[in-house]
Amino acid sequence: MAEQSIKVIILCSWGATSSQLGKKVEEAAEKRGITADIYAGGTGDFKDRAADYDVALLEPQVRHLRKEVTRIAEPHNVPVELVDQTAFALMDGEKVLDQALKLAEK
C-alpha cells in the first residue's frame, strides 16, 4: 500500500492562527502515518505557489477571500474550502486533516 501524503496550505490574514492549526494537523497526520506538508500563510503566499499544493483551506476570518483564492487555484486544479468552523475554534487537527484528505479526493 502506498504511503498517503498531502500538501495543504491553510490561509489566514497574517499566518499566526494558521501556523498553530497547521502544527495540530501535522501532529494528527504523524499519528496516522500520513506524510503531510502543511503550510500556513496569507493569500499572497498562495498566489505565488498555488501549484505546489493539493488543497487550500481558508480560515473562517478570511472567508471573504474565497472567490479570489478559488480563481487563483482553479488553473492548478487545487480545491478550496473553508476550514470547518468548529474544528477551527477547537484547533482540532484531526478534523481538519480529515477535511483536507476528503477534499483532495474530489
Protein backbone atom coordinates (compact mmCIF):
# COMPACT_ATOMS: atom_id res chain seq x y z
CA MET A 1 0.00 0.00 0.00
CA ALA A 2 1.37 3.40 -0.99
CA GLU A 3 2.04 5.82 1.78
CA GLN A 4 -0.51 8.59 1.86
CA SER A 5 0.77 12.13 1.50
CA ILE A 6 -0.83 15.52 1.13
CA LYS A 7 0.28 19.14 0.70
CA VAL A 8 -2.07 21.64 2.29
CA ILE A 9 -1.98 25.39 2.65
CA ILE A 10 -4.04 26.95 5.42
CA LEU A 11 -4.70 30.59 4.66
CA CYS A 12 -5.43 33.34 7.14
CA SER A 13 -4.72 37.05 7.36
CA TRP A 14 -1.24 37.03 8.85
CA GLY A 15 -0.27 33.40 9.34
CA ALA A 16 -0.46 33.29 13.15
CA THR A 17 -3.54 31.13 13.72
CA SER A 18 -2.86 29.11 10.58
CA SER A 19 0.60 28.23 11.92
CA GLN A 20 -0.97 26.94 15.14
CA LEU A 21 -3.61 24.97 13.27
CA GLY A 22 -1.02 23.66 10.81
CA LYS A 23 1.04 22.21 13.67
CA LYS A 24 -2.05 20.40 15.00
CA VAL A 25 -2.79 18.97 11.55
CA GLU A 26 0.83 17.80 11.17
CA GLU A 27 0.65 16.09 14.56
CA ALA A 28 -2.59 14.34 13.57
CA ALA A 29 -1.04 13.19 10.27
CA GLU A 30 2.08 11.91 12.02
CA LYS A 31 -0.04 9.82 14.40
CA ARG A 32 -1.73 8.24 11.39
CA GLY A 33 1.45 7.67 9.41
CA ILE A 34 0.47 10.18 6.72
CA THR A 35 3.12 12.42 5.19
CA ALA A 36 1.62 15.89 5.41
CA ASP A 37 3.27 19.10 4.29
CA ILE A 38 1.20 21.78 5.92
CA TYR A 39 1.91 25.37 5.03
CA ALA A 40 0.46 28.35 6.83
CA GLY A 41 0.31 31.66 5.13
CA GLY A 42 -1.52 34.58 3.70
CA THR A 43 -3.23 34.75 0.34
CA GLY A 44 -0.15 36.46 -1.15
CA ASP A 45 1.90 33.32 -0.48
CA PHE A 46 -0.73 31.23 -2.24
CA LYS A 47 -0.77 33.42 -5.34
CA ASP A 48 2.92 32.71 -5.98
CA ARG A 49 2.87 28.98 -5.22
CA ALA A 50 -0.67 27.67 -5.84
CA ALA A 51 0.57 24.79 -8.00
CA ASP A 52 2.60 23.44 -5.04
CA TYR A 53 -0.48 22.36 -3.06
CA ASP A 54 -3.08 19.59 -3.22
CA VAL A 55 -5.63 21.52 -1.17
CA ALA A 56 -6.18 25.09 0.04
CA LEU A 57 -8.12 25.71 3.24
CA LEU A 58 -9.32 29.17 4.23
CA GLU A 59 -9.80 30.06 7.88
CA PRO A 60 -13.24 31.46 8.74
CA GLN A 61 -11.98 35.02 9.24
CA VAL A 62 -10.85 35.24 5.60
CA ARG A 63 -13.94 33.66 4.02
CA HIS A 64 -14.43 36.89 2.03
CA LEU A 65 -11.31 35.95 0.02
CA ARG A 66 -12.76 32.65 -1.16
CA LYS A 67 -13.63 33.87 -4.68
CA GLU A 68 -10.16 35.32 -5.21
CA VAL A 69 -8.39 32.24 -3.84
CA THR A 70 -10.61 29.94 -5.92
CA ARG A 71 -9.79 31.97 -9.04
CA ILE A 72 -6.05 31.55 -8.34
CA ALA A 73 -6.46 27.84 -7.52
CA GLU A 74 -8.62 26.73 -10.47
CA PRO A 75 -5.93 26.72 -13.19
CA HIS A 76 -3.88 24.44 -10.93
CA ASN A 77 -6.84 22.15 -10.04
CA VAL A 78 -6.44 22.94 -6.34
CA PRO A 79 -9.72 22.58 -4.43
CA VAL A 80 -10.55 25.39 -1.99
CA GLU A 81 -12.76 25.09 1.08
CA LEU A 82 -13.37 26.94 4.32
CA VAL A 83 -11.91 25.25 7.40
CA ASP A 84 -14.72 23.68 9.39
CA GLN A 85 -15.63 26.38 11.94
CA THR A 86 -15.93 24.05 14.92
CA ALA A 87 -12.62 22.38 14.07
CA PHE A 88 -11.02 25.80 13.75
CA ALA A 89 -12.42 27.05 17.06
CA LEU A 90 -11.17 23.90 18.82
CA MET A 91 -7.89 23.80 16.85
CA ASP A 92 -8.87 20.21 16.03
CA GLY A 93 -6.05 18.94 13.81
CA GLU A 94 -7.70 15.54 13.32
CA LYS A 95 -10.90 17.04 11.93
CA VAL A 96 -9.05 19.49 9.67
CA LEU A 97 -6.82 16.67 8.38
CA ASP A 98 -9.94 14.63 7.56
CA GLN A 99 -11.40 17.63 5.76
CA ALA A 100 -8.23 18.13 3.70
CA LEU A 101 -7.96 14.44 2.79
CA LYS A 102 -11.59 14.30 1.71
CA LEU A 103 -11.17 17.46 -0.36
CA ALA A 104 -8.04 16.07 -2.05
CA GLU A 105 -10.00 13.00 -3.20
CA LYS A 106 -12.56 15.05 -5.11
